[in-house]
PDB file of N, CA and C in Angstrom:
ATOM      1  N   MET A   1      64.531  -8.966  78.250  1.00  0.00           N
ATOM      2  CA  MET A   1      64.167  -8.059  77.065  1.00  0.00           C
ATOM      3  C   MET A   1      63.797  -6.932  77.118  1.00  0.00           C
ATOM      4  N   PRO A   2      63.602  -6.225  76.557  1.00  0.00           N
ATOM      5  CA  PRO A   2      63.107  -4.950  76.283  1.00  0.00           C
ATOM      6  C   PRO A   2      61.979  -4.765  76.419  1.00  0.00           C
ATOM      7  N   VAL A   3      60.911  -3.728  76.717  1.00  0.00           N
ATOM      8  CA  VAL A   3      59.957  -3.692  76.272  1.00  0.00           C
ATOM      9  C   VAL A   3      59.514  -2.693  75.262  1.00  0.00           C
ATOM     10  N   CYS A   4      59.056  -2.999  73.754  1.00  0.00           N
ATOM     11  CA  CYS A   4      57.993  -2.581  72.712  1.00  0.00           C
ATOM     12  C   CYS A   4      57.929  -1.067  72.894  1.00  0.00           C
ATOM     13  N   VAL A   5      58.246  -0.681  72.439  1.00  0.00           N
ATOM     14  CA  VAL A   5      57.197   1.850  72.793  1.00  0.00           C
ATOM     15  C   VAL A   5      58.034   1.076  71.362  1.00  0.00           C
ATOM     16  N   LEU A   6      56.538   2.270  70.609  1.00  0.00           N
ATOM     17  CA  LEU A   6      55.994   2.655  68.801  1.00  0.00           C
ATOM     18  C   LEU A   6      55.531   4.187  68.855  1.00  0.00           C
ATOM     19  N   ILE A   7      56.971   5.225  68.488  1.00  0.00           N
ATOM     20  CA  ILE A   7      55.932   6.682  68.787  1.00  0.00           C
ATOM     21  C   ILE A   7      55.882   6.811  67.462  1.00  0.00           C
ATOM     22  N   ILE A   8      54.811   8.059  67.813  1.00  0.00           N
ATOM     23  CA  ILE A   8      53.340   7.874  66.067  1.00  0.00           C
ATOM     24  C   ILE A   8      53.743   9.543  66.620  1.00  0.00           C
ATOM     25  N   ASP A   9      54.796  10.177  65.538  1.00  0.00           N
ATOM     26  CA  ASP A   9      55.094  11.874  66.337  1.00  0.00           C
ATOM     27  C   ASP A   9      54.839  12.003  64.828  1.00  0.00           C
ATOM     28  N   VAL A  10      54.276  13.742  64.361  1.00  0.00           N
ATOM     29  CA  VAL A  10      55.003  14.147  62.610  1.00  0.00           C
ATOM     30  C   VAL A  10      56.323  14.831  63.381  1.00  0.00           C
ATOM     31  N   ASP A  11      56.546  15.789  64.625  1.00  0.00           N
ATOM     32  CA  ASP A  11      57.822  15.815  65.108  1.00  0.00           C
ATOM     33  C   ASP A  11      58.445  15.306  65.496  1.00  0.00           C
ATOM     34  N   ARG A  12      59.312  15.182  63.973  1.00  0.00           N
ATOM     35  CA  ARG A  12      60.889  14.299  64.199  1.00  0.00           C
ATOM     36  C   ARG A  12      61.772  14.393  66.045  1.00  0.00           C
ATOM     37  N   THR A  13      61.958  16.045  66.244  1.00  0.00           N
ATOM     38  CA  THR A  13      61.974  16.032  67.955  1.00  0.00           C
ATOM     39  C   THR A  13      62.174  14.853  68.700  1.00  0.00           C
ATOM     40  N   VAL A  14      60.937  14.362  68.527  1.00  0.00           N
ATOM     41  CA  VAL A  14      59.897  13.577  69.123  1.00  0.00           C
ATOM     42  C   VAL A  14      60.786  12.388  68.802  1.00  0.00           C
ATOM     43  N   THR A  15      60.352  12.062  68.025  1.00  0.00           N
ATOM     44  CA  THR A  15      60.443  10.358  67.555  1.00  0.00           C
ATOM     45  C   THR A  15      62.032  10.461  67.316  1.00  0.00           C
ATOM     46  N   ASP A  16      62.859  11.220  66.551  1.00  0.00           N
ATOM     47  CA  ASP A  16      64.250  11.330  66.749  1.00  0.00           C
ATOM     48  C   ASP A  16      65.156  11.252  68.378  1.00  0.00           C
ATOM     49  N   GLY A  17      64.375  12.716  69.113  1.00  0.00           N
ATOM     50  CA  GLY A  17      65.318  12.132  70.664  1.00  0.00           C
ATOM     51  C   GLY A  17      64.565  10.829  71.107  1.00  0.00           C
ATOM     52  N   ALA A  18      63.620  10.042  71.554  1.00  0.00           N
ATOM     53  CA  ALA A  18      62.801   9.307  71.648  1.00  0.00           C
ATOM     54  C   ALA A  18      63.947   8.071  71.465  1.00  0.00           C
ATOM     55  N   ALA A  19      64.210   7.562  69.624  1.00  0.00           N
ATOM     56  CA  ALA A  19      64.993   6.918  69.462  1.00  0.00           C
ATOM     57  C   ALA A  19      66.072   6.544  70.105  1.00  0.00           C
ATOM     58  N   ARG A  20      66.311   8.155  70.293  1.00  0.00           N
ATOM     59  CA  ARG A  20      68.246   8.495  70.102  1.00  0.00           C
ATOM     60  C   ARG A  20      68.223   7.822  72.525  1.00  0.00           C
ATOM     61  N   ASP A  21      67.339   7.880  73.124  1.00  0.00           N
ATOM     62  CA  ASP A  21      67.438   8.298  74.118  1.00  0.00           C
ATOM     63  C   ASP A  21      66.724   7.473  75.320  1.00  0.00           C
ATOM     64  N   LEU A  22      65.458   6.627  74.540  1.00  0.00           N
ATOM     65  CA  LEU A  22      64.539   6.095  75.644  1.00  0.00           C
ATOM     66  C   LEU A  22      65.050   4.007  75.946  1.00  0.00           C
ATOM     67  N   PRO A  23      66.394   3.635  74.534  1.00  0.00           N
ATOM     68  CA  PRO A  23      66.684   2.627  75.227  1.00  0.00           C
ATOM     69  C   PRO A  23      66.862   1.929  75.816  1.00  0.00           C
ATOM     70  N   ALA A  24      67.453   4.000  76.779  1.00  0.00           N
ATOM     71  CA  ALA A  24      69.255   3.562  78.020  1.00  0.00           C
ATOM     72  C   ALA A  24      67.840   3.723  78.837  1.00  0.00           C
ATOM     73  N   HIS A  25      66.578   3.519  78.887  1.00  0.00           N
ATOM     74  CA  HIS A  25      65.737   3.547  79.908  1.00  0.00           C
ATOM     75  C   HIS A  25      64.863   1.456  79.697  1.00  0.00           C
ATOM     76  N   GLY A  26      65.551   0.693  78.900  1.00  0.00           N
ATOM     77  CA  GLY A  26      65.274   0.293  78.964  1.00  0.00           C
ATOM     78  C   GLY A  26      64.648  -0.374  77.864  1.00  0.00           C
ATOM     79  N   TYR A  27      64.186   0.078  77.033  1.00  0.00           N
ATOM     80  CA  TYR A  27      63.188   0.443  75.708  1.00  0.00           C
ATOM     81  C   TYR A  27      63.812  -0.555  74.149  1.00  0.00           C
ATOM     82  N   ARG A  28      62.518  -1.047  73.465  1.00  0.00           N
ATOM     83  CA  ARG A  28      63.196  -1.291  71.840  1.00  0.00           C
ATOM     84  C   ARG A  28      61.953   0.008  71.108  1.00  0.00           C
ATOM     85  N   VAL A  29      61.944   0.465  70.730  1.00  0.00           N
ATOM     86  CA  VAL A  29      61.470   2.243  70.540  1.00  0.00           C
ATOM     87  C   VAL A  29      61.697   1.950  68.642  1.00  0.00           C
ATOM     88  N   PHE A  30      60.566   2.013  68.690  1.00  0.00           N
ATOM     89  CA  PHE A  30      60.275   1.962  66.514  1.00  0.00           C
ATOM     90  C   PHE A  30      59.887   3.260  66.750  1.00  0.00           C
ATOM     91  N   THR A  31      59.391   4.014  66.129  1.00  0.00           N
ATOM     92  CA  THR A  31      58.960   5.260  65.130  1.00  0.00           C
ATOM     93  C   THR A  31      58.084   5.857  63.816  1.00  0.00           C
ATOM     94  N   ALA A  32      57.573   6.245  63.630  1.00  0.00           N
ATOM     95  CA  ALA A  32      56.370   6.661  62.692  1.00  0.00           C
ATOM     96  C   ALA A  32      56.482   8.148  63.297  1.00  0.00           C
ATOM     97  N   THR A  33      55.574   9.154  61.782  1.00  0.00           N
ATOM     98  CA  THR A  33      56.478  10.580  61.271  1.00  0.00           C
ATOM     99  C   THR A  33      54.905  10.309  61.129  1.00  0.00           C
ATOM    100  N   ASN A  34      53.466   9.667  60.794  1.00  0.00           N
ATOM    101  CA  ASN A  34      52.135   9.773  60.612  1.00  0.00           C
ATOM    102  C   ASN A  34      51.140   8.475  61.716  1.00  0.00           C
ATOM    103  N   GLY A  35      49.632   8.840  60.819  1.00  0.00           N
ATOM    104  CA  GLY A  35      49.186   7.609  61.890  1.00  0.00           C
ATOM    105  C   GLY A  35      48.736   6.716  61.114  1.00  0.00           C
ATOM    106  N   GLU A  36      49.180   6.937  59.641  1.00  0.00           N
ATOM    107  CA  GLU A  36      48.817   6.083  58.319  1.00  0.00           C
ATOM    108  C   GLU A  36      50.132   4.709  58.849  1.00  0.00           C
ATOM    109  N   GLU A  37      51.078   4.894  59.063  1.00  0.00           N
ATOM    110  CA  GLU A  37      52.967   4.935  59.062  1.00  0.00           C
ATOM    111  C   GLU A  37      52.543   3.523  61.088  1.00  0.00           C
ATOM    112  N   GLY A  38      52.150   4.643  61.466  1.00  0.00           N
ATOM    113  CA  GLY A  38      52.265   4.014  62.834  1.00  0.00           C
ATOM    114  C   GLY A  38      51.660   3.419  63.035  1.00  0.00           C
ATOM    115  N   LEU A  39      49.861   3.390  62.372  1.00  0.00           N
ATOM    116  CA  LEU A  39      49.439   1.331  62.433  1.00  0.00           C
ATOM    117  C   LEU A  39      49.152   0.578  61.314  1.00  0.00           C
ATOM    118  N   ARG A  40      50.934   1.191  60.917  1.00  0.00           N
ATOM    119  CA  ARG A  40      51.782  -0.010  59.413  1.00  0.00           C
ATOM    120  C   ARG A  40      52.546  -0.968  61.225  1.00  0.00           C
ATOM    121  N   LEU A  41      53.538  -0.132  61.338  1.00  0.00           N
ATOM    122  CA  LEU A  41      54.073  -0.525  61.923  1.00  0.00           C
ATOM    123  C   LEU A  41      53.549  -1.518  63.275  1.00  0.00           C
ATOM    124  N   PHE A  42      52.295  -0.953  64.314  1.00  0.00           N
ATOM    125  CA  PHE A  42      51.941  -1.000  65.028  1.00  0.00           C
ATOM    126  C   PHE A  42      51.535  -2.640  65.286  1.00  0.00           C
ATOM    127  N   ARG A  43      51.160  -3.023  64.112  1.00  0.00           N
ATOM    128  CA  ARG A  43      50.665  -4.722  63.149  1.00  0.00           C
ATOM    129  C   ARG A  43      52.011  -4.834  63.782  1.00  0.00           C
ATOM    130  N   ALA A  44      52.613  -4.447  62.802  1.00  0.00           N
ATOM    131  CA  ALA A  44      54.183  -5.373  61.909  1.00  0.00           C
ATOM    132  C   ALA A  44      54.796  -5.984  63.805  1.00  0.00           C
ATOM    133  N   VAL A  45      54.614  -5.141  64.481  1.00  0.00           N
ATOM    134  CA  VAL A  45      55.775  -4.913  65.635  1.00  0.00           C
ATOM    135  C   VAL A  45      54.859  -5.384  67.221  1.00  0.00           C
ATOM    136  N   LYS A  46      53.843  -5.522  67.201  1.00  0.00           N
ATOM    137  CA  LYS A  46      53.243  -5.233  67.836  1.00  0.00           C
ATOM    138  C   LYS A  46      53.549  -4.974  69.417  1.00  0.00           C
ATOM    139  N   PRO A  47      53.894  -3.264  70.012  1.00  0.00           N
ATOM    140  CA  PRO A  47      54.671  -3.042  70.890  1.00  0.00           C
ATOM    141  C   PRO A  47      53.289  -3.482  72.123  1.00  0.00           C
ATOM    142  N   GLU A  48      53.994  -3.146  72.861  1.00  0.00           N
ATOM    143  CA  GLU A  48      53.039  -3.393  75.023  1.00  0.00           C
ATOM    144  C   GLU A  48      53.014  -1.763  75.063  1.00  0.00           C
ATOM    145  N   ILE A  49      53.882  -0.332  74.158  1.00  0.00           N
ATOM    146  CA  ILE A  49      53.586   0.640  74.537  1.00  0.00           C
ATOM    147  C   ILE A  49      53.573   1.230  72.746  1.00  0.00           C
ATOM    148  N   VAL A  50      52.068   2.764  72.924  1.00  0.00           N
ATOM    149  CA  VAL A  50      52.014   3.534  72.299  1.00  0.00           C
ATOM    150  C   VAL A  50      51.991   4.539  72.903  1.00  0.00           C
ATOM    151  N   VAL A  51      52.776   5.836  72.148  1.00  0.00           N
ATOM    152  CA  VAL A  51      53.114   7.591  72.291  1.00  0.00           C
ATOM    153  C   VAL A  51      52.307   7.738  70.961  1.00  0.00           C
ATOM    154  N   THR A  52      51.466   8.508  70.735  1.00  0.00           N
ATOM    155  CA  THR A  52      50.615   8.949  70.184  1.00  0.00           C
ATOM    156  C   THR A  52      50.439  11.132  70.548  1.00  0.00           C
ATOM    157  N   GLU A  53      51.187  11.327  69.322  1.00  0.00           N
ATOM    158  CA  GLU A  53      50.470  13.175  69.176  1.00  0.00           C
ATOM    159  C   GLU A  53      49.148  12.711  68.529  1.00  0.00           C
ATOM    160  N   LEU A  54      48.026  13.706  69.062  1.00  0.00           N
ATOM    161  CA  LEU A  54      47.150  13.544  69.086  1.00  0.00           C
ATOM    162  C   LEU A  54      46.488  14.794  67.558  1.00  0.00           C
ATOM    163  N   LEU A  55      46.981  15.037  67.063  1.00  0.00           N
ATOM    164  CA  LEU A  55      46.492  16.102  66.829  1.00  0.00           C
ATOM    165  C   LEU A  55      47.673  16.040  65.370  1.00  0.00           C
ATOM    166  N   MET A  56      47.416  14.685  63.801  1.00  0.00           N
ATOM    167  CA  MET A  56      48.153  15.067  62.285  1.00  0.00           C
ATOM    168  C   MET A  56      47.485  15.364  61.586  1.00  0.00           C
ATOM    169  N   PRO A  57      48.505  15.614  60.680  1.00  0.00           N
ATOM    170  CA  PRO A  57      47.164  15.447  60.262  1.00  0.00           C
ATOM    171  C   PRO A  57      47.062  13.921  58.556  1.00  0.00           C
ATOM    172  N   GLY A  58      45.979  14.151  58.930  1.00  0.00           N
ATOM    173  CA  GLY A  58      45.009  12.270  57.359  1.00  0.00           C
ATOM    174  C   GLY A  58      45.146  11.502  59.432  1.00  0.00           C
ATOM    175  N   CYS A  59      45.496  10.676  59.664  1.00  0.00           N
ATOM    176  CA  CYS A  59      44.949   9.383  60.176  1.00  0.00           C
ATOM    177  C   CYS A  59      44.620  10.256  61.399  1.00  0.00           C
ATOM    178  N   ASP A  60      44.903  10.955  62.341  1.00  0.00           N
ATOM    179  CA  ASP A  60      45.064  10.895  63.162  1.00  0.00           C
ATOM    180  C   ASP A  60      45.429  10.643  64.589  1.00  0.00           C
ATOM    181  N   GLY A  61      46.158  10.507  66.251  1.00  0.00           N
ATOM    182  CA  GLY A  61      46.260   9.655  66.789  1.00  0.00           C
ATOM    183  C   GLY A  61      44.713   9.678  68.052  1.00  0.00           C
ATOM    184  N   ILE A  62      43.819  10.303  67.557  1.00  0.00           N
ATOM    185  CA  ILE A  62      42.316   9.755  68.156  1.00  0.00           C
ATOM    186  C   ILE A  62      41.818   8.309  67.401  1.00  0.00           C
ATOM    187  N   GLU A  63      42.123   7.937  66.033  1.00  0.00           N
ATOM    188  CA  GLU A  63      42.143   7.427  65.481  1.00  0.00           C
ATOM    189  C   GLU A  63      43.161   6.675  65.665  1.00  0.00           C
ATOM    190  N   CYS A  64      44.307   6.533  66.044  1.00  0.00           N
ATOM    191  CA  CYS A  64      45.086   5.535  65.578  1.00  0.00           C
ATOM    192  C   CYS A  64      45.128   5.231  67.286  1.00  0.00           C
ATOM    193  N   ILE A  65      43.926   5.626  68.965  1.00  0.00           N
ATOM    194  CA  ILE A  65      44.023   5.057  69.845  1.00  0.00           C
ATOM    195  C   ILE A  65      42.524   4.291  69.371  1.00  0.00           C
ATOM    196  N   ILE A  66      42.316   4.516  68.827  1.00  0.00           N
ATOM    197  CA  ILE A  66      40.515   3.803  69.012  1.00  0.00           C
ATOM    198  C   ILE A  66      41.674   3.115  67.381  1.00  0.00           C
ATOM    199  N   GLN A  67      42.129   2.574  67.010  1.00  0.00           N
ATOM    200  CA  GLN A  67      42.288   1.392  66.216  1.00  0.00           C
ATOM    201  C   GLN A  67      42.596  -0.238  67.179  1.00  0.00           C
ATOM    202  N   ILE A  68      44.018   0.977  67.332  1.00  0.00           N
ATOM    203  CA  ILE A  68      44.667  -0.090  68.477  1.00  0.00           C
ATOM    204  C   ILE A  68      43.936  -0.576  69.696  1.00  0.00           C
ATOM    205  N   LYS A  69      43.158   0.332  70.780  1.00  0.00           N
ATOM    206  CA  LYS A  69      42.311   0.097  71.490  1.00  0.00           C
ATOM    207  C   LYS A  69      41.756  -1.580  70.760  1.00  0.00           C
ATOM    208  N   ARG A  70      40.781  -1.051  69.377  1.00  0.00           N
ATOM    209  CA  ARG A  70      39.738  -1.919  69.343  1.00  0.00           C
ATOM    210  C   ARG A  70      40.882  -3.545  68.821  1.00  0.00           C
ATOM    211  N   GLU A  71      42.292  -3.447  68.320  1.00  0.00           N
ATOM    212  CA  GLU A  71      42.440  -5.125  67.429  1.00  0.00           C
ATOM    213  C   GLU A  71      43.358  -4.754  69.045  1.00  0.00           C
ATOM    214  N   ALA A  72      43.448  -4.836  69.853  1.00  0.00           N
ATOM    215  CA  ALA A  72      44.561  -5.177  70.696  1.00  0.00           C
ATOM    216  C   ALA A  72      44.156  -4.197  72.447  1.00  0.00           C
ATOM    217  N   PRO A  73      43.068  -4.584  73.083  1.00  0.00           N
ATOM    218  CA  PRO A  73      43.246  -3.678  73.795  1.00  0.00           C
ATOM    219  C   PRO A  73      44.137  -3.671  75.011  1.00  0.00           C
ATOM    220  N   GLY A  74      44.810  -4.379  75.359  1.00  0.00           N
ATOM    221  CA  GLY A  74      45.850  -4.507  76.482  1.00  0.00           C
ATOM    222  C   GLY A  74      46.877  -3.436  76.072  1.00  0.00           C
ATOM    223  N   THR A  75      47.127  -3.045  75.086  1.00  0.00           N
ATOM    224  CA  THR A  75      48.234  -2.153  74.572  1.00  0.00           C
ATOM    225  C   THR A  75      47.930  -0.413  75.304  1.00  0.00           C
ATOM    226  N   ARG A  76      49.098  -0.579  75.639  1.00  0.00           N
ATOM    227  CA  ARG A  76      48.930   0.713  76.546  1.00  0.00           C
ATOM    228  C   ARG A  76      49.624   2.163  75.761  1.00  0.00           C
ATOM    229  N   ILE A  77      48.710   3.134  75.996  1.00  0.00           N
ATOM    230  CA  ILE A  77      48.813   4.089  75.437  1.00  0.00           C
ATOM    231  C   ILE A  77      49.118   5.848  76.003  1.00  0.00           C
ATOM    232  N   VAL A  78      50.604   6.297  75.523  1.00  0.00           N
ATOM    233  CA  VAL A  78      50.102   7.643  76.141  1.00  0.00           C
ATOM    234  C   VAL A  78      50.138   8.796  74.966  1.00  0.00           C
ATOM    235  N   ALA A  79      48.725   8.915  75.258  1.00  0.00           N
ATOM    236  CA  ALA A  79      48.608  10.529  73.845  1.00  0.00           C
ATOM    237  C   ALA A  79      49.527  12.101  75.095  1.00  0.00           C
ATOM    238  N   THR A  80      50.166  12.293  73.499  1.00  0.00           N
ATOM    239  CA  THR A  80      50.283  13.777  73.044  1.00  0.00           C
ATOM    240  C   THR A  80      50.265  15.036  72.218  1.00  0.00           C
ATOM    241  N   THR A  81      50.208  15.842  73.397  1.00  0.00           N
ATOM    242  CA  THR A  81      49.319  17.316  71.525  1.00  0.00           C
ATOM    243  C   THR A  81      50.260  18.134  72.278  1.00  0.00           C
ATOM    244  N   SER A  82      49.648  19.201  71.214  1.00  0.00           N
ATOM    245  CA  SER A  82      50.347  20.851  71.153  1.00  0.00           C
ATOM    246  C   SER A  82      49.394  21.419  71.637  1.00  0.00           C
ATOM    247  N   GLY A  83      47.701  20.253  71.731  1.00  0.00           N
ATOM    248  CA  GLY A  83      47.019  21.572  70.912  1.00  0.00           C
ATOM    249  C   GLY A  83      46.307  22.774  70.499  1.00  0.00           C
ATOM    250  N   GLY A  84      47.108  22.951  69.771  1.00  0.00           N
ATOM    251  CA  GLY A  84      46.591  23.914  68.030  1.00  0.00           C
ATOM    252  C   GLY A  84      45.675  24.989  68.367  1.00  0.00           C
ATOM    253  N   VAL A  85      45.151  24.771  67.935  1.00  0.00           N
ATOM    254  CA  VAL A  85      43.327  25.223  67.539  1.00  0.00           C
ATOM    255  C   VAL A  85      42.753  24.901  68.939  1.00  0.00           C
ATOM    256  N   VAL A  86      43.007  23.826  69.490  1.00  0.00           N
ATOM    257  CA  VAL A  86      41.531  23.072  70.412  1.00  0.00           C
ATOM    258  C   VAL A  86      42.780  23.228  71.841  1.00  0.00           C
ATOM    259  N   GLU A  87      41.975  22.819  73.071  1.00  0.00           N
ATOM    260  CA  GLU A  87      42.675  23.590  73.957  1.00  0.00           C
ATOM    261  C   GLU A  87      43.160  21.925  73.789  1.00  0.00           C
ATOM    262  N   ARG A  88      44.540  21.698  74.794  1.00  0.00           N
ATOM    263  CA  ARG A  88      45.199  20.893  75.486  1.00  0.00           C
ATOM    264  C   ARG A  88      44.219  19.636  76.190  1.00  0.00           C
ATOM    265  N   ASP A  89      43.644  20.496  77.221  1.00  0.00           N
ATOM    266  CA  ASP A  89      43.025  19.269  78.240  1.00  0.00           C
ATOM    267  C   ASP A  89      41.711  18.976  78.111  1.00  0.00           C
ATOM    268  N   TYR A  90      41.330  19.071  77.307  1.00  0.00           N
ATOM    269  CA  TYR A  90      39.846  19.023  76.054  1.00  0.00           C
ATOM    270  C   TYR A  90      40.819  17.228  74.887  1.00  0.00           C
ATOM    271  N   CYS A  91      42.137  17.472  74.701  1.00  0.00           N
ATOM    272  CA  CYS A  91      42.533  16.274  73.815  1.00  0.00           C
ATOM    273  C   CYS A  91      42.435  15.415  74.796  1.00  0.00           C
ATOM    274  N   LEU A  92      43.805  15.820  74.807  1.00  0.00           N
ATOM    275  CA  LEU A  92      43.864  15.403  76.162  1.00  0.00           C
ATOM    276  C   LEU A  92      42.889  13.834  78.020  1.00  0.00           C
ATOM    277  N   HIS A  93      41.533  14.683  77.161  1.00  0.00           N
ATOM    278  CA  HIS A  93      40.822  13.959  77.784  1.00  0.00           C
ATOM    279  C   HIS A  93      39.426  13.189  77.184  1.00  0.00           C
ATOM    280  N   VAL A  94      39.572  13.829  75.689  1.00  0.00           N
ATOM    281  CA  VAL A  94      39.413  12.619  74.803  1.00  0.00           C
ATOM    282  C   VAL A  94      40.078  11.679  74.658  1.00  0.00           C
ATOM    283  N   ALA A  95      41.305  11.629  74.887  1.00  0.00           N
ATOM    284  CA  ALA A  95      42.397  10.554  74.367  1.00  0.00           C
ATOM    285  C   ALA A  95      41.821  10.127  75.717  1.00  0.00           C
ATOM    286  N   ARG A  96      41.940  10.368  76.627  1.00  0.00           N
ATOM    287  CA  ARG A  96      42.191   9.478  78.181  1.00  0.00           C
ATOM    288  C   ARG A  96      40.120   8.357  77.710  1.00  0.00           C
ATOM    289  N   SER A  97      39.169   9.189  77.147  1.00  0.00           N
ATOM    290  CA  SER A  97      37.998   8.593  77.569  1.00  0.00           C
ATOM    291  C   SER A  97      37.523   7.394  76.184  1.00  0.00           C
ATOM    292  N   LEU A  98      39.275   7.464  75.154  1.00  0.00           N
ATOM    293  CA  LEU A  98      39.298   6.747  74.590  1.00  0.00           C
ATOM    294  C   LEU A  98      40.570   5.747  74.506  1.00  0.00           C
ATOM    295  N   GLY A  99      40.995   5.265  75.862  1.00  0.00           N
ATOM    296  CA  GLY A  99      41.447   4.826  76.675  1.00  0.00           C
ATOM    297  C   GLY A  99      43.303   4.658  77.034  1.00  0.00           C
ATOM    298  N   ALA A 100      43.612   6.049  76.069  1.00  0.00           N
ATOM    299  CA  ALA A 100      44.308   6.490  76.922  1.00  0.00           C
ATOM    300  C   ALA A 100      45.220   6.138  78.597  1.00  0.00           C
ATOM    301  N   GLU A 101      45.712   5.784  79.158  1.00  0.00           N
ATOM    302  CA  GLU A 101      46.063   6.252  79.798  1.00  0.00           C
ATOM    303  C   GLU A 101      47.390   7.278  80.475  1.00  0.00           C
ATOM    304  N   SER A 102      47.450   7.930  79.861  1.00  0.00           N
ATOM    305  CA  SER A 102      48.455   8.815  80.065  1.00  0.00           C
ATOM    306  C   SER A 102      48.288  10.064  79.236  1.00  0.00           C
ATOM    307  N   GLY A 103      48.384  11.143  79.239  1.00  0.00           N
ATOM    308  CA  GLY A 103      48.655  12.466  78.644  1.00  0.00           C
ATOM    309  C   GLY A 103      49.864  12.895  79.026  1.00  0.00           C
ATOM    310  N   LEU A 104      50.311  13.875  77.595  1.00  0.00           N
ATOM    311  CA  LEU A 104      51.230  14.687  77.737  1.00  0.00           C
ATOM    312  C   LEU A 104      51.365  15.865  76.859  1.00  0.00           C
ATOM    313  N   SER A 105      51.357  17.189  78.131  1.00  0.00           N
ATOM    314  CA  SER A 105      51.334  18.728  77.010  1.00  0.00           C
ATOM    315  C   SER A 105      52.662  18.678  76.537  1.00  0.00           C
ATOM    316  N   LYS A 106      52.613  19.359  74.934  1.00  0.00           N
ATOM    317  CA  LYS A 106      53.393  19.822  74.004  1.00  0.00           C
ATOM    318  C   LYS A 106      54.310  21.151  74.791  1.00  0.00           C
ATOM    319  N   PRO A 107      55.295  21.672  75.370  1.00  0.00           N
ATOM    320  CA  PRO A 107      57.212  21.058  75.398  1.00  0.00           C
ATOM    321  C   PRO A 107      57.323  19.737  76.005  1.00  0.00           C
ATOM    322  N   PHE A 108      57.383  19.189  75.890  1.00  0.00           N
ATOM    323  CA  PHE A 108      58.039  17.854  77.249  1.00  0.00           C
ATOM    324  C   PHE A 108      60.130  17.490  77.230  1.00  0.00           C
ATOM    325  N   THR A 109      60.156  17.140  78.070  1.00  0.00           N
ATOM    326  CA  THR A 109      62.114  16.438  77.992  1.00  0.00           C
ATOM    327  C   THR A 109      61.527  15.087  77.274  1.00  0.00           C
ATOM    328  N   ILE A 110      62.795  14.426  76.965  1.00  0.00           N
ATOM    329  CA  ILE A 110      62.395  13.008  76.883  1.00  0.00           C
ATOM    330  C   ILE A 110      62.436  12.378  78.243  1.00  0.00           C
ATOM    331  N   ARG A 111      63.088  12.758  78.867  1.00  0.00           N
ATOM    332  CA  ARG A 111      62.518  12.124  80.599  1.00  0.00           C
ATOM    333  C   ARG A 111      60.880  11.930  81.283  1.00  0.00           C
ATOM    334  N   GLN A 112      60.890  13.729  80.068  1.00  0.00           N
ATOM    335  CA  GLN A 112      59.706  13.108  80.847  1.00  0.00           C
ATOM    336  C   GLN A 112      58.470  12.264  79.948  1.00  0.00           C
ATOM    337  N   LEU A 113      58.750  11.896  78.885  1.00  0.00           N
ATOM    338  CA  LEU A 113      58.248  10.432  77.490  1.00  0.00           C
ATOM    339  C   LEU A 113      58.321   9.802  78.760  1.00  0.00           C
ATOM    340  N   ALA A 114      59.639   9.453  79.208  1.00  0.00           N
ATOM    341  CA  ALA A 114      60.384   8.243  79.649  1.00  0.00           C
ATOM    342  C   ALA A 114      59.862   8.054  80.558  1.00  0.00           C
ATOM    343  N   ASP A 115      59.681   8.532  81.899  1.00  0.00           N
ATOM    344  CA  ASP A 115      58.503   8.895  83.182  1.00  0.00           C
ATOM    345  C   ASP A 115      57.385   8.835  83.124  1.00  0.00           C
ATOM    346  N   ALA A 116      56.444   8.936  81.442  1.00  0.00           N
ATOM    347  CA  ALA A 116      55.251   8.491  81.667  1.00  0.00           C
ATOM    348  C   ALA A 116      54.812   6.858  80.730  1.00  0.00           C
ATOM    349  N   VAL A 117      56.262   6.904  80.120  1.00  0.00           N
ATOM    350  CA  VAL A 117      55.969   5.263  79.491  1.00  0.00           C
ATOM    351  C   VAL A 117      56.045   4.440  80.303  1.00  0.00           C
ATOM    352  N   ALA A 118      57.132   4.839  81.830  1.00  0.00           N
ATOM    353  CA  ALA A 118      57.504   4.012  83.079  1.00  0.00           C
ATOM    354  C   ALA A 118      55.795   3.587  84.046  1.00  0.00           C
ATOM    355  N   ALA A 119      55.517   4.831  83.772  1.00  0.00           N
ATOM    356  CA  ALA A 119      54.573   4.937  84.486  1.00  0.00           C
ATOM    357  C   ALA A 119      53.285   3.589  83.900  1.00  0.00           C
ATOM    358  N   VAL A 120      53.089   4.161  82.667  1.00  0.00           N
ATOM    359  CA  VAL A 120      52.464   3.350  82.039  1.00  0.00           C
ATOM    360  C   VAL A 120      52.287   1.897  81.728  1.00  0.00           C
ATOM    361  N   ARG A 121      53.470   1.316  82.061  1.00  0.00           N
ATOM    362  CA  ARG A 121      54.623   0.536  82.098  1.00  0.00           C
ATOM    363  C   ARG A 121      53.660  -0.191  83.291  1.00  0.00           C
ATOM    364  N   ARG A 122      53.801   0.116  84.652  1.00  0.00           N
ATOM    365  CA  ARG A 122      53.674  -0.236  85.713  1.00  0.00           C
ATOM    366  C   ARG A 122      52.488  -0.474  85.998  1.00  0.00           C
ATOM    367  N   LYS A 123      51.411   0.186  84.913  1.00  0.00           N
ATOM    368  CA  LYS A 123      49.948  -0.584  85.530  1.00  0.00           C
ATOM    369  C   LYS A 123      49.652  -1.834  84.459  1.00  0.00           C
ATOM    370  N   GLY A 124      49.990  -1.323  83.627  1.00  0.00           N
ATOM    371  CA  GLY A 124      50.026  -2.101  82.595  1.00  0.00           C
ATOM    372  C   GLY A 124      51.006  -3.588  83.597  1.00  0.00           C
ATOM    373  N   SER A 125      51.516  -3.914  84.390  1.00  0.00           N
ATOM    374  CA  SER A 125      52.181  -5.062  85.161  1.00  0.00           C
ATOM    375  C   SER A 125      51.422  -5.093  85.701  1.00  0.00           C
ATOM    376  N   GLY A 126      50.199  -4.990  87.011  1.00  0.00           N
ATOM    377  CA  GLY A 126      49.873  -4.691  87.487  1.00  0.00           C
ATOM    378  C   GLY A 126      49.913  -3.667  89.204  1.00  0.00           C
ATOM    379  N   GLY A 127      50.817  -3.077  89.182  1.00  0.00           N
ATOM    380  CA  GLY A 127      51.210  -2.205  89.804  1.00  0.00           C
ATOM    381  C   GLY A 127      50.803  -0.957  89.724  1.00  0.00           C
ATOM    382  N   SER A 128      51.109   0.223  90.597  1.00  0.00           N
ATOM    383  CA  SER A 128      50.076   1.248  90.553  1.00  0.00           C
ATOM    384  C   SER A 128      49.654   1.420  89.666  1.00  0.00           C
TER     385      SER A 128
END
């Protein structure tokens, strides 16, 4: 049975690319283009792994991480960011302190995303 992954990102290149390419890596992919939609979808599909952009209008990725970890602490999270006006490393550090297991700076390839998802999946199953 494929592992369920939710991608939350305002960048359609990321969500569309993940929806197109991650299933070949054994994942069932759901996408949302903002935090509010992402949290609704999270509650509906109960994914094992969430990939969320940190800097989004409205409900941002930090809020998503806090809520997801509150509701389902075992959910594995990959945080992504382009940084914007805030330093990328600082954003990813904050995300990790809130429970994200991995972080990616944009731009990244779908292959790099697949590798990050696989790494947090292994951590969640007791692997490396």
